Amino acid sequence: MSFATNVPSTWEEFTEGLWERNPVFVMVLGMCPTMAITTSAINSISMGLATTFVLAASCWMVSMMRRLIPKEVRIACYIGIIATFVMVVDYAIQAISLALSEALGAYIALIVANCLVL
């Protein structure tokens, strides 16, 4: 009898399940910048609304353009679409409230990373 030599060890299985194939960990990790700015109710609500808008709008746009975008450049196009909606949100926040824009600061730009992870 011969046993397969490619059988992963228990430790490899454990770490793979903990880091690589754990969707809850990946989603929570993606939300870290959103949670970091939530020091007040106004910041929390604003960041939540901005992230929700970018996520919903970019998902809609990506689903509309999915068949038009070649597979070779799909991820780059997705990043461009998400970044465009992030800039729209950033400019809207700057137009509405400069103080809120300064409070959220660079965390608005990190919505791109959040949406890509999610």
PDB file of N, CA and C in Angstrom:
ATOM      1  N   MET A   1       0.831  -1.182   0.000  1.00  0.00           N
ATOM      2  CA  MET A   1       0.000   0.000   0.000  1.00  0.00           C
ATOM      3  C   MET A   1       0.875   1.245   0.000  1.00  0.00           C
ATOM      4  N   SER A   2       0.523   2.155  -0.851  1.00  0.00           N
ATOM      5  CA  SER A   2       1.267   3.406  -0.855  1.00  0.00           C
ATOM      6  C   SER A   2       0.298   4.545  -0.552  1.00  0.00           C
ATOM      7  N   PHE A   3       0.773   5.444   0.222  1.00  0.00           N
ATOM      8  CA  PHE A   3      -0.039   6.593   0.593  1.00  0.00           C
ATOM      9  C   PHE A   3       0.377   7.787  -0.251  1.00  0.00           C
ATOM     10  N   ALA A   4      -0.551   8.681  -0.460  1.00  0.00           N
ATOM     11  CA  ALA A   4      -0.255   9.878  -1.250  1.00  0.00           C
ATOM     12  C   ALA A   4       0.753  10.738  -0.505  1.00  0.00           C
ATOM     13  N   THR A   5       1.718  11.237  -1.244  1.00  0.00           N
ATOM     14  CA  THR A   5       2.745  12.063  -0.624  1.00  0.00           C
ATOM     15  C   THR A   5       2.349  13.533  -0.583  1.00  0.00           C
ATOM     16  N   ASN A   6       1.274  13.876  -1.247  1.00  0.00           N
ATOM     17  CA  ASN A   6       0.845  15.275  -1.284  1.00  0.00           C
ATOM     18  C   ASN A   6      -0.209  15.599  -0.240  1.00  0.00           C
ATOM     19  N   VAL A   7      -0.333  14.777   0.750  1.00  0.00           N
ATOM     20  CA  VAL A   7      -1.308  15.023   1.813  1.00  0.00           C
ATOM     21  C   VAL A   7      -0.778  16.140   2.706  1.00  0.00           C
ATOM     22  N   PRO A   8      -1.554  17.224   2.860  1.00  0.00           N
ATOM     23  CA  PRO A   8      -1.072  18.320   3.712  1.00  0.00           C
ATOM     24  C   PRO A   8      -1.066  17.919   5.179  1.00  0.00           C
ATOM     25  N   SER A   9      -0.173  18.534   5.913  1.00  0.00           N
ATOM     26  CA  SER A   9      -0.107  18.251   7.340  1.00  0.00           C
ATOM     27  C   SER A   9      -1.277  18.934   8.055  1.00  0.00           C
ATOM     28  N   THR A  10      -1.481  18.562   9.273  1.00  0.00           N
ATOM     29  CA  THR A  10      -2.558  19.145  10.063  1.00  0.00           C
ATOM     30  C   THR A  10      -2.351  20.643  10.233  1.00  0.00           C
ATOM     31  N   TRP A  11      -1.119  21.058  10.440  1.00  0.00           N
ATOM     32  CA  TRP A  11      -0.815  22.483  10.617  1.00  0.00           C
ATOM     33  C   TRP A  11      -1.101  23.258   9.339  1.00  0.00           C
ATOM     34  N   GLU A  12      -0.752  22.704   8.181  1.00  0.00           N
ATOM     35  CA  GLU A  12      -1.025  23.377   6.911  1.00  0.00           C
ATOM     36  C   GLU A  12      -2.527  23.517   6.680  1.00  0.00           C
ATOM     37  N   GLU A  13      -3.272  22.475   7.004  1.00  0.00           N
ATOM     38  CA  GLU A  13      -4.724  22.546   6.877  1.00  0.00           C
ATOM     39  C   GLU A  13      -5.311  23.593   7.818  1.00  0.00           C
ATOM     40  N   PHE A  14      -4.800  23.654   9.020  1.00  0.00           N
ATOM     41  CA  PHE A  14      -5.283  24.618   9.995  1.00  0.00           C
ATOM     42  C   PHE A  14      -5.029  26.046   9.532  1.00  0.00           C
ATOM     43  N   THR A  15      -3.800  26.342   9.109  1.00  0.00           N
ATOM     44  CA  THR A  15      -3.480  27.707   8.687  1.00  0.00           C
ATOM     45  C   THR A  15      -4.190  28.078   7.396  1.00  0.00           C
ATOM     46  N   GLU A  16      -4.387  27.114   6.502  1.00  0.00           N
ATOM     47  CA  GLU A  16      -5.113  27.410   5.270  1.00  0.00           C
ATOM     48  C   GLU A  16      -6.563  27.761   5.584  1.00  0.00           C
ATOM     49  N   GLY A  17      -7.173  27.031   6.478  1.00  0.00           N
ATOM     50  CA  GLY A  17      -8.546  27.320   6.864  1.00  0.00           C
ATOM     51  C   GLY A  17      -8.679  28.596   7.666  1.00  0.00           C
ATOM     52  N   LEU A  18      -7.630  28.964   8.371  1.00  0.00           N
ATOM     53  CA  LEU A  18      -7.674  30.169   9.198  1.00  0.00           C
ATOM     54  C   LEU A  18      -7.469  31.435   8.377  1.00  0.00           C
ATOM     55  N   TRP A  19      -6.514  31.436   7.448  1.00  0.00           N
ATOM     56  CA  TRP A  19      -6.146  32.648   6.720  1.00  0.00           C
ATOM     57  C   TRP A  19      -6.663  32.676   5.287  1.00  0.00           C
ATOM     58  N   GLU A  20      -6.479  31.608   4.532  1.00  0.00           N
ATOM     59  CA  GLU A  20      -6.747  31.653   3.104  1.00  0.00           C
ATOM     60  C   GLU A  20      -8.190  31.367   2.727  1.00  0.00           C
ATOM     61  N   ARG A  21      -8.837  30.486   3.419  1.00  0.00           N
ATOM     62  CA  ARG A  21     -10.193  30.086   3.040  1.00  0.00           C
ATOM     63  C   ARG A  21     -11.220  30.449   4.111  1.00  0.00           C
ATOM     64  N   ASN A  22     -11.050  31.578   4.700  1.00  0.00           N
ATOM     65  CA  ASN A  22     -11.950  32.028   5.748  1.00  0.00           C
ATOM     66  C   ASN A  22     -12.635  33.311   5.277  1.00  0.00           C
ATOM     67  N   PRO A  23     -13.842  33.223   4.711  1.00  0.00           N
ATOM     68  CA  PRO A  23     -14.487  34.422   4.174  1.00  0.00           C
ATOM     69  C   PRO A  23     -14.835  35.450   5.245  1.00  0.00           C
ATOM     70  N   VAL A  24     -15.123  35.022   6.440  1.00  0.00           N
ATOM     71  CA  VAL A  24     -15.443  35.969   7.514  1.00  0.00           C
ATOM     72  C   VAL A  24     -14.223  36.824   7.840  1.00  0.00           C
ATOM     73  N   PHE A  25     -13.058  36.195   7.939  1.00  0.00           N
ATOM     74  CA  PHE A  25     -11.833  36.934   8.227  1.00  0.00           C
ATOM     75  C   PHE A  25     -11.527  37.933   7.119  1.00  0.00           C
ATOM     76  N   VAL A  26     -11.693  37.522   5.875  1.00  0.00           N
ATOM     77  CA  VAL A  26     -11.411  38.409   4.742  1.00  0.00           C
ATOM     78  C   VAL A  26     -12.354  39.603   4.756  1.00  0.00           C
ATOM     79  N   MET A  27     -13.638  39.375   5.021  1.00  0.00           N
ATOM     80  CA  MET A  27     -14.595  40.494   5.024  1.00  0.00           C
ATOM     81  C   MET A  27     -14.347  41.446   6.185  1.00  0.00           C
ATOM     82  N   VAL A  28     -14.037  40.920   7.356  1.00  0.00           N
ATOM     83  CA  VAL A  28     -13.755  41.785   8.502  1.00  0.00           C
ATOM     84  C   VAL A  28     -12.469  42.562   8.266  1.00  0.00           C
ATOM     85  N   LEU A  29     -11.474  41.916   7.672  1.00  0.00           N
ATOM     86  CA  LEU A  29     -10.218  42.596   7.358  1.00  0.00           C
ATOM     87  C   LEU A  29     -10.455  43.737   6.381  1.00  0.00           C
ATOM     88  N   GLY A  30     -11.359  43.533   5.430  1.00  0.00           N
ATOM     89  CA  GLY A  30     -11.683  44.578   4.468  1.00  0.00           C
ATOM     90  C   GLY A  30     -12.400  45.761   5.084  1.00  0.00           C
ATOM     91  N   MET A  31     -13.062  45.564   6.197  1.00  0.00           N
ATOM     92  CA  MET A  31     -13.811  46.637   6.839  1.00  0.00           C
ATOM     93  C   MET A  31     -13.001  47.403   7.887  1.00  0.00           C
ATOM     94  N   CYS A  32     -11.752  47.038   8.104  1.00  0.00           N
ATOM     95  CA  CYS A  32     -10.934  47.701   9.124  1.00  0.00           C
ATOM     96  C   CYS A  32     -10.832  49.215   8.943  1.00  0.00           C
ATOM     97  N   PRO A  33     -10.553  49.740   7.740  1.00  0.00           N
ATOM     98  CA  PRO A  33     -10.497  51.204   7.605  1.00  0.00           C
ATOM     99  C   PRO A  33     -11.828  51.866   7.909  1.00  0.00           C
ATOM    100  N   THR A  34     -12.929  51.202   7.589  1.00  0.00           N
ATOM    101  CA  THR A  34     -14.237  51.763   7.883  1.00  0.00           C
ATOM    102  C   THR A  34     -14.459  51.832   9.381  1.00  0.00           C
ATOM    103  N   MET A  35     -14.040  50.823  10.092  1.00  0.00           N
ATOM    104  CA  MET A  35     -14.219  50.813  11.540  1.00  0.00           C
ATOM    105  C   MET A  35     -13.244  51.763  12.238  1.00  0.00           C
ATOM    106  N   ALA A  36     -12.099  52.042  11.630  1.00  0.00           N
ATOM    107  CA  ALA A  36     -11.091  52.886  12.268  1.00  0.00           C
ATOM    108  C   ALA A  36     -11.551  54.330  12.403  1.00  0.00           C
ATOM    109  N   ILE A  37     -12.386  54.787  11.499  1.00  0.00           N
ATOM    110  CA  ILE A  37     -12.784  56.186  11.505  1.00  0.00           C
ATOM    111  C   ILE A  37     -14.035  56.431  12.352  1.00  0.00           C
ATOM    112  N   THR A  38     -14.627  55.394  12.871  1.00  0.00           N
ATOM    113  CA  THR A  38     -15.895  55.529  13.583  1.00  0.00           C
ATOM    114  C   THR A  38     -15.691  56.000  15.024  1.00  0.00           C
ATOM    115  N   THR A  39     -15.175  57.211  15.172  1.00  0.00           N
ATOM    116  CA  THR A  39     -14.958  57.780  16.499  1.00  0.00           C
ATOM    117  C   THR A  39     -16.134  58.634  16.954  1.00  0.00           C
ATOM    118  N   SER A  40     -17.032  58.977  16.035  1.00  0.00           N
ATOM    119  CA  SER A  40     -18.240  59.723  16.395  1.00  0.00           C
ATOM    120  C   SER A  40     -19.388  59.221  15.526  1.00  0.00           C
ATOM    121  N   ALA A  41     -20.593  59.557  15.921  1.00  0.00           N
ATOM    122  CA  ALA A  41     -21.768  59.082  15.185  1.00  0.00           C
ATOM    123  C   ALA A  41     -21.817  59.665  13.771  1.00  0.00           C
ATOM    124  N   ILE A  42     -21.459  60.921  13.629  1.00  0.00           N
ATOM    125  CA  ILE A  42     -21.479  61.559  12.309  1.00  0.00           C
ATOM    126  C   ILE A  42     -20.466  60.891  11.377  1.00  0.00           C
ATOM    127  N   ASN A  43     -19.260  60.663  11.887  1.00  0.00           N
ATOM    128  CA  ASN A  43     -18.243  59.990  11.073  1.00  0.00           C
ATOM    129  C   ASN A  43     -18.681  58.580  10.704  1.00  0.00           C
ATOM    130  N   SER A  44     -19.275  57.876  11.659  1.00  0.00           N
ATOM    131  CA  SER A  44     -19.714  56.501  11.419  1.00  0.00           C
ATOM    132  C   SER A  44     -20.784  56.440  10.349  1.00  0.00           C
ATOM    133  N   ILE A  45     -21.783  57.271  10.484  1.00  0.00           N
ATOM    134  CA  ILE A  45     -22.882  57.273   9.519  1.00  0.00           C
ATOM    135  C   ILE A  45     -22.387  57.701   8.143  1.00  0.00           C
ATOM    136  N   SER A  46     -21.549  58.717   8.105  1.00  0.00           N
ATOM    137  CA  SER A  46     -21.027  59.198   6.826  1.00  0.00           C
ATOM    138  C   SER A  46     -20.183  58.138   6.134  1.00  0.00           C
ATOM    139  N   MET A  47     -19.299  57.504   6.869  1.00  0.00           N
ATOM    140  CA  MET A  47     -18.451  56.468   6.284  1.00  0.00           C
ATOM    141  C   MET A  47     -19.282  55.273   5.855  1.00  0.00           C
ATOM    142  N   GLY A  48     -20.262  54.903   6.650  1.00  0.00           N
ATOM    143  CA  GLY A  48     -21.137  53.791   6.284  1.00  0.00           C
ATOM    144  C   GLY A  48     -21.928  54.076   5.023  1.00  0.00           C
ATOM    145  N   LEU A  49     -22.483  55.280   4.924  1.00  0.00           N
ATOM    146  CA  LEU A  49     -23.222  55.657   3.721  1.00  0.00           C
ATOM    147  C   LEU A  49     -22.320  55.730   2.500  1.00  0.00           C
ATOM    148  N   ALA A  50     -21.127  56.280   2.673  1.00  0.00           N
ATOM    149  CA  ALA A  50     -20.187  56.365   1.552  1.00  0.00           C
ATOM    150  C   ALA A  50     -19.783  54.979   1.067  1.00  0.00           C
ATOM    151  N   THR A  51     -19.471  54.085   1.999  1.00  0.00           N
ATOM    152  CA  THR A  51     -19.072  52.729   1.625  1.00  0.00           C
ATOM    153  C   THR A  51     -20.225  51.988   0.968  1.00  0.00           C
ATOM    154  N   THR A  52     -21.426  52.143   1.505  1.00  0.00           N
ATOM    155  CA  THR A  52     -22.597  51.478   0.929  1.00  0.00           C
ATOM    156  C   THR A  52     -22.876  51.980  -0.476  1.00  0.00           C
ATOM    157  N   PHE A  53     -22.794  53.293  -0.674  1.00  0.00           N
ATOM    158  CA  PHE A  53     -23.023  53.844  -2.006  1.00  0.00           C
ATOM    159  C   PHE A  53     -21.995  53.336  -2.997  1.00  0.00           C
ATOM    160  N   VAL A  54     -20.724  53.393  -2.632  1.00  0.00           N
ATOM    161  CA  VAL A  54     -19.664  52.950  -3.546  1.00  0.00           C
ATOM    162  C   VAL A  54     -19.821  51.468  -3.859  1.00  0.00           C
ATOM    163  N   LEU A  55     -20.098  50.668  -2.856  1.00  0.00           N
ATOM    164  CA  LEU A  55     -20.248  49.234  -3.074  1.00  0.00           C
ATOM    165  C   LEU A  55     -21.436  48.935  -3.984  1.00  0.00           C
ATOM    166  N   ALA A  56     -22.568  49.565  -3.727  1.00  0.00           N
ATOM    167  CA  ALA A  56     -23.763  49.306  -4.541  1.00  0.00           C
ATOM    168  C   ALA A  56     -23.590  49.829  -5.966  1.00  0.00           C
ATOM    169  N   ALA A  57     -23.097  51.049  -6.107  1.00  0.00           N
ATOM    170  CA  ALA A  57     -22.944  51.639  -7.434  1.00  0.00           C
ATOM    171  C   ALA A  57     -21.896  50.904  -8.263  1.00  0.00           C
ATOM    172  N   SER A  58     -20.789  50.530  -7.638  1.00  0.00           N
ATOM    173  CA  SER A  58     -19.748  49.832  -8.402  1.00  0.00           C
ATOM    174  C   SER A  58     -20.188  48.416  -8.765  1.00  0.00           C
ATOM    175  N   CYS A  59     -20.920  47.745  -7.886  1.00  0.00           N
ATOM    176  CA  CYS A  59     -21.448  46.414  -8.229  1.00  0.00           C
ATOM    177  C   CYS A  59     -22.417  46.508  -9.396  1.00  0.00           C
ATOM    178  N   TRP A  60     -23.256  47.526  -9.389  1.00  0.00           N
ATOM    179  CA  TRP A  60     -24.194  47.710 -10.490  1.00  0.00           C
ATOM    180  C   TRP A  60     -23.449  47.969 -11.801  1.00  0.00           C
ATOM    181  N   MET A  61     -22.470  48.861 -11.754  1.00  0.00           N
ATOM    182  CA  MET A  61     -21.722  49.199 -12.969  1.00  0.00           C
ATOM    183  C   MET A  61     -20.915  48.006 -13.479  1.00  0.00           C
ATOM    184  N   VAL A  62     -20.288  47.270 -12.578  1.00  0.00           N
ATOM    185  CA  VAL A  62     -19.508  46.101 -12.976  1.00  0.00           C
ATOM    186  C   VAL A  62     -20.422  45.051 -13.601  1.00  0.00           C
ATOM    187  N   SER A  63     -21.597  44.846 -13.026  1.00  0.00           N
ATOM    188  CA  SER A  63     -22.513  43.850 -13.602  1.00  0.00           C
ATOM    189  C   SER A  63     -23.021  44.290 -14.968  1.00  0.00           C
ATOM    190  N   MET A  64     -23.152  45.580 -15.191  1.00  0.00           N
ATOM    191  CA  MET A  64     -23.576  46.072 -16.501  1.00  0.00           C
ATOM    192  C   MET A  64     -22.475  45.934 -17.558  1.00  0.00           C
ATOM    193  N   MET A  65     -21.233  46.070 -17.135  1.00  0.00           N
ATOM    194  CA  MET A  65     -20.119  46.066 -18.091  1.00  0.00           C
ATOM    195  C   MET A  65     -19.352  44.748 -18.133  1.00  0.00           C
ATOM    196  N   ARG A  66     -19.777  43.757 -17.369  1.00  0.00           N
ATOM    197  CA  ARG A  66     -19.025  42.517 -17.241  1.00  0.00           C
ATOM    198  C   ARG A  66     -18.784  41.834 -18.586  1.00  0.00           C
ATOM    199  N   ARG A  67     -19.772  41.797 -19.438  1.00  0.00           N
ATOM    200  CA  ARG A  67     -19.617  41.121 -20.730  1.00  0.00           C
ATOM    201  C   ARG A  67     -18.847  41.955 -21.742  1.00  0.00           C
ATOM    202  N   LEU A  68     -18.731  43.235 -21.512  1.00  0.00           N
ATOM    203  CA  LEU A  68     -18.008  44.110 -22.442  1.00  0.00           C
ATOM    204  C   LEU A  68     -16.512  44.167 -22.157  1.00  0.00           C
ATOM    205  N   ILE A  69     -16.123  43.837 -20.944  1.00  0.00           N
ATOM    206  CA  ILE A  69     -14.723  43.947 -20.527  1.00  0.00           C
ATOM    207  C   ILE A  69     -14.008  42.627 -20.799  1.00  0.00           C
ATOM    208  N   PRO A  70     -12.885  42.660 -21.528  1.00  0.00           N
ATOM    209  CA  PRO A  70     -12.121  41.421 -21.764  1.00  0.00           C
ATOM    210  C   PRO A  70     -11.580  40.849 -20.455  1.00  0.00           C
ATOM    211  N   LYS A  71     -11.458  39.539 -20.396  1.00  0.00           N
ATOM    212  CA  LYS A  71     -11.018  38.873 -19.171  1.00  0.00           C
ATOM    213  C   LYS A  71      -9.621  39.298 -18.744  1.00  0.00           C
ATOM    214  N   GLU A  72      -8.778  39.657 -19.683  1.00  0.00           N
ATOM    215  CA  GLU A  72      -7.390  40.009 -19.362  1.00  0.00           C
ATOM    216  C   GLU A  72      -7.275  41.296 -18.559  1.00  0.00           C
ATOM    217  N   VAL A  73      -8.207  42.194 -18.713  1.00  0.00           N
ATOM    218  CA  VAL A  73      -8.121  43.497 -18.035  1.00  0.00           C
ATOM    219  C   VAL A  73      -9.274  43.720 -17.059  1.00  0.00           C
ATOM    220  N   ARG A  74      -9.950  42.662 -16.696  1.00  0.00           N
ATOM    221  CA  ARG A  74     -11.148  42.791 -15.860  1.00  0.00           C
ATOM    222  C   ARG A  74     -10.857  43.417 -14.502  1.00  0.00           C
ATOM    223  N   ILE A  75      -9.847  42.953 -13.816  1.00  0.00           N
ATOM    224  CA  ILE A  75      -9.573  43.480 -12.469  1.00  0.00           C
ATOM    225  C   ILE A  75      -9.163  44.946 -12.544  1.00  0.00           C
ATOM    226  N   ALA A  76      -8.364  45.307 -13.524  1.00  0.00           N
ATOM    227  CA  ALA A  76      -7.967  46.710 -13.669  1.00  0.00           C
ATOM    228  C   ALA A  76      -9.186  47.596 -13.931  1.00  0.00           C
ATOM    229  N   CYS A  77     -10.114  47.118 -14.735  1.00  0.00           N
ATOM    230  CA  CYS A  77     -11.333  47.887 -14.987  1.00  0.00           C
ATOM    231  C   CYS A  77     -12.189  47.992 -13.736  1.00  0.00           C
ATOM    232  N   TYR A  78     -12.276  46.921 -12.973  1.00  0.00           N
ATOM    233  CA  TYR A  78     -13.040  46.955 -11.726  1.00  0.00           C
ATOM    234  C   TYR A  78     -12.452  47.980 -10.763  1.00  0.00           C
ATOM    235  N   ILE A  79     -11.137  48.006 -10.661  1.00  0.00           N
ATOM    236  CA  ILE A  79     -10.482  48.992  -9.792  1.00  0.00           C
ATOM    237  C   ILE A  79     -10.784  50.402 -10.266  1.00  0.00           C
ATOM    238  N   GLY A  80     -10.747  50.613 -11.574  1.00  0.00           N
ATOM    239  CA  GLY A  80     -11.056  51.931 -12.126  1.00  0.00           C
ATOM    240  C   GLY A  80     -12.485  52.360 -11.845  1.00  0.00           C
ATOM    241  N   ILE A  81     -13.422  51.432 -11.977  1.00  0.00           N
ATOM    242  CA  ILE A  81     -14.832  51.738 -11.708  1.00  0.00           C
ATOM    243  C   ILE A  81     -15.024  52.092 -10.232  1.00  0.00           C
ATOM    244  N   ILE A  82     -14.455  51.279  -9.353  1.00  0.00           N
ATOM    245  CA  ILE A  82     -14.594  51.538  -7.917  1.00  0.00           C
ATOM    246  C   ILE A  82     -13.931  52.854  -7.546  1.00  0.00           C
ATOM    247  N   ALA A  83     -12.750  53.115  -8.086  1.00  0.00           N
ATOM    248  CA  ALA A  83     -12.039  54.364  -7.782  1.00  0.00           C
ATOM    249  C   ALA A  83     -12.822  55.578  -8.273  1.00  0.00           C
ATOM    250  N   THR A  84     -13.503  55.440  -9.402  1.00  0.00           N
ATOM    251  CA  THR A  84     -14.314  56.546  -9.913  1.00  0.00           C
ATOM    252  C   THR A  84     -15.445  56.886  -8.940  1.00  0.00           C
ATOM    253  N   PHE A  85     -16.135  55.866  -8.456  1.00  0.00           N
ATOM    254  CA  PHE A  85     -17.218  56.125  -7.501  1.00  0.00           C
ATOM    255  C   PHE A  85     -16.687  56.660  -6.177  1.00  0.00           C
ATOM    256  N   VAL A  86     -15.510  56.228  -5.775  1.00  0.00           N
ATOM    257  CA  VAL A  86     -14.900  56.766  -4.552  1.00  0.00           C
ATOM    258  C   VAL A  86     -14.595  58.248  -4.725  1.00  0.00           C
ATOM    259  N   MET A  87     -14.098  58.626  -5.884  1.00  0.00           N
ATOM    260  CA  MET A  87     -13.816  60.049  -6.124  1.00  0.00           C
ATOM    261  C   MET A  87     -15.101  60.870  -6.141  1.00  0.00           C
ATOM    262  N   VAL A  88     -16.166  60.321  -6.702  1.00  0.00           N
ATOM    263  CA  VAL A  88     -17.457  61.016  -6.693  1.00  0.00           C
ATOM    264  C   VAL A  88     -17.908  61.254  -5.255  1.00  0.00           C
ATOM    265  N   VAL A  89     -17.800  60.217  -4.428  1.00  0.00           N
ATOM    266  CA  VAL A  89     -18.184  60.353  -3.019  1.00  0.00           C
ATOM    267  C   VAL A  89     -17.285  61.359  -2.305  1.00  0.00           C
ATOM    268  N   ASP A  90     -15.991  61.291  -2.567  1.00  0.00           N
ATOM    269  CA  ASP A  90     -15.049  62.211  -1.917  1.00  0.00           C
ATOM    270  C   ASP A  90     -15.365  63.662  -2.278  1.00  0.00           C
ATOM    271  N   TYR A  91     -15.612  63.925  -3.555  1.00  0.00           N
ATOM    272  CA  TYR A  91     -15.951  65.294  -3.966  1.00  0.00           C
ATOM    273  C   TYR A  91     -17.299  65.733  -3.400  1.00  0.00           C
ATOM    274  N   ALA A  92     -18.249  64.819  -3.309  1.00  0.00           N
ATOM    275  CA  ALA A  92     -19.546  65.170  -2.740  1.00  0.00           C
ATOM    276  C   ALA A  92     -19.409  65.519  -1.258  1.00  0.00           C
ATOM    277  N   ILE A  93     -18.611  64.753  -0.538  1.00  0.00           N
ATOM    278  CA  ILE A  93     -18.400  65.048   0.884  1.00  0.00           C
ATOM    279  C   ILE A  93     -17.681  66.384   1.050  1.00  0.00           C
ATOM    280  N   GLN A  94     -16.701  66.670   0.200  1.00  0.00           N
ATOM    281  CA  GLN A  94     -16.010  67.958   0.270  1.00  0.00           C
ATOM    282  C   GLN A  94     -16.963  69.112  -0.020  1.00  0.00           C
ATOM    283  N   ALA A  95     -17.892  68.906  -0.954  1.00  0.00           N
ATOM    284  CA  ALA A  95     -18.849  69.962  -1.292  1.00  0.00           C
ATOM    285  C   ALA A  95     -19.870  70.167  -0.184  1.00  0.00           C
ATOM    286  N   ILE A  96     -20.247  69.100   0.489  1.00  0.00           N
ATOM    287  CA  ILE A  96     -21.268  69.196   1.533  1.00  0.00           C
ATOM    288  C   ILE A  96     -20.691  69.742   2.832  1.00  0.00           C
ATOM    289  N   SER A  97     -19.559  69.176   3.269  1.00  0.00           N
ATOM    290  CA  SER A  97     -18.994  69.583   4.554  1.00  0.00           C
ATOM    291  C   SER A  97     -17.481  69.411   4.533  1.00  0.00           C
ATOM    292  N   LEU A  98     -16.786  70.525   4.573  1.00  0.00           N
ATOM    293  CA  LEU A  98     -15.331  70.471   4.579  1.00  0.00           C
ATOM    294  C   LEU A  98     -14.804  69.880   5.888  1.00  0.00           C
ATOM    295  N   ALA A  99     -15.487  70.156   6.993  1.00  0.00           N
ATOM    296  CA  ALA A  99     -15.059  69.603   8.285  1.00  0.00           C
ATOM    297  C   ALA A  99     -15.184  68.078   8.293  1.00  0.00           C
ATOM    298  N   LEU A 100     -16.265  67.550   7.727  1.00  0.00           N
ATOM    299  CA  LEU A 100     -16.438  66.101   7.643  1.00  0.00           C
ATOM    300  C   LEU A 100     -15.391  65.496   6.721  1.00  0.00           C
ATOM    301  N   SER A 101     -15.096  66.176   5.638  1.00  0.00           N
ATOM    302  CA  SER A 101     -14.069  65.698   4.715  1.00  0.00           C
ATOM    303  C   SER A 101     -12.707  65.623   5.391  1.00  0.00           C
ATOM    304  N   GLU A 102     -12.394  66.614   6.212  1.00  0.00           N
ATOM    305  CA  GLU A 102     -11.125  66.593   6.935  1.00  0.00           C
ATOM    306  C   GLU A 102     -11.122  65.507   8.008  1.00  0.00           C
ATOM    307  N   ALA A 103     -12.268  65.249   8.623  1.00  0.00           N
ATOM    308  CA  ALA A 103     -12.345  64.216   9.652  1.00  0.00           C
ATOM    309  C   ALA A 103     -12.169  62.819   9.056  1.00  0.00           C
ATOM    310  N   LEU A 104     -12.773  62.592   7.898  1.00  0.00           N
ATOM    311  CA  LEU A 104     -12.655  61.284   7.256  1.00  0.00           C
ATOM    312  C   LEU A 104     -11.301  61.105   6.585  1.00  0.00           C
ATOM    313  N   GLY A 105     -10.756  62.197   6.080  1.00  0.00           N
ATOM    314  CA  GLY A 105      -9.403  62.202   5.536  1.00  0.00           C
ATOM    315  C   GLY A 105      -9.117  61.113   4.520  1.00  0.00           C
ATOM    316  N   ALA A 106      -8.024  60.403   4.740  1.00  0.00           N
ATOM    317  CA  ALA A 106      -7.558  59.391   3.797  1.00  0.00           C
ATOM    318  C   ALA A 106      -8.401  58.127   3.836  1.00  0.00           C
ATOM    319  N   TYR A 107      -9.262  57.994   4.833  1.00  0.00           N
ATOM    320  CA  TYR A 107     -10.069  56.780   4.937  1.00  0.00           C
ATOM    321  C   TYR A 107     -11.070  56.652   3.794  1.00  0.00           C
ATOM    322  N   ILE A 108     -11.476  57.755   3.213  1.00  0.00           N
ATOM    323  CA  ILE A 108     -12.369  57.686   2.053  1.00  0.00           C
ATOM    324  C   ILE A 108     -11.675  56.963   0.903  1.00  0.00           C
ATOM    325  N   ALA A 109     -10.411  57.245   0.681  1.00  0.00           N
ATOM    326  CA  ALA A 109      -9.677  56.582  -0.400  1.00  0.00           C
ATOM    327  C   ALA A 109      -9.523  55.086  -0.144  1.00  0.00           C
ATOM    328  N   LEU A 110      -9.548  54.668   1.093  1.00  0.00           N
ATOM    329  CA  LEU A 110      -9.421  53.246   1.410  1.00  0.00           C
ATOM    330  C   LEU A 110     -10.692  52.458   1.122  1.00  0.00           C
ATOM    331  N   ILE A 111     -11.767  53.137   0.747  1.00  0.00           N
ATOM    332  CA  ILE A 111     -12.975  52.417   0.357  1.00  0.00           C
ATOM    333  C   ILE A 111     -12.708  51.559  -0.872  1.00  0.00           C
ATOM    334  N   VAL A 112     -11.774  51.971  -1.719  1.00  0.00           N
ATOM    335  CA  VAL A 112     -11.405  51.165  -2.884  1.00  0.00           C
ATOM    336  C   VAL A 112     -10.957  49.781  -2.443  1.00  0.00           C
ATOM    337  N   ALA A 113     -10.092  49.729  -1.450  1.00  0.00           N
ATOM    338  CA  ALA A 113      -9.605  48.437  -0.950  1.00  0.00           C
ATOM    339  C   ALA A 113     -10.738  47.638  -0.317  1.00  0.00           C
ATOM    340  N   ASN A 114     -11.620  48.319   0.415  1.00  0.00           N
ATOM    341  CA  ASN A 114     -12.762  47.630   1.031  1.00  0.00           C
ATOM    342  C   ASN A 114     -13.623  46.960  -0.016  1.00  0.00           C
ATOM    343  N   CYS A 115     -13.962  47.704  -1.065  1.00  0.00           N
ATOM    344  CA  CYS A 115     -14.857  47.161  -2.087  1.00  0.00           C
ATOM    345  C   CYS A 115     -14.185  46.029  -2.863  1.00  0.00           C
ATOM    346  N   LEU A 116     -12.896  46.130  -3.086  1.00  0.00           N
ATOM    347  CA  LEU A 116     -12.217  45.041  -3.782  1.00  0.00           C
ATOM    348  C   LEU A 116     -12.208  43.773  -2.951  1.00  0.00           C
ATOM    349  N   VAL A 117     -11.995  43.916  -1.661  1.00  0.00           N
ATOM    350  CA  VAL A 117     -11.983  42.732  -0.794  1.00  0.00           C
ATOM    351  C   VAL A 117     -13.373  42.139  -0.697  1.00  0.00           C
ATOM    352  N   LEU A 118     -14.366  42.999  -0.533  1.00  0.00           N
ATOM    353  CA  LEU A 118     -15.732  42.493  -0.401  1.00  0.00           C
ATOM    354  C   LEU A 118     -16.244  41.958  -1.699  1.00  0.00           C
TER     355      LEU A 118
END
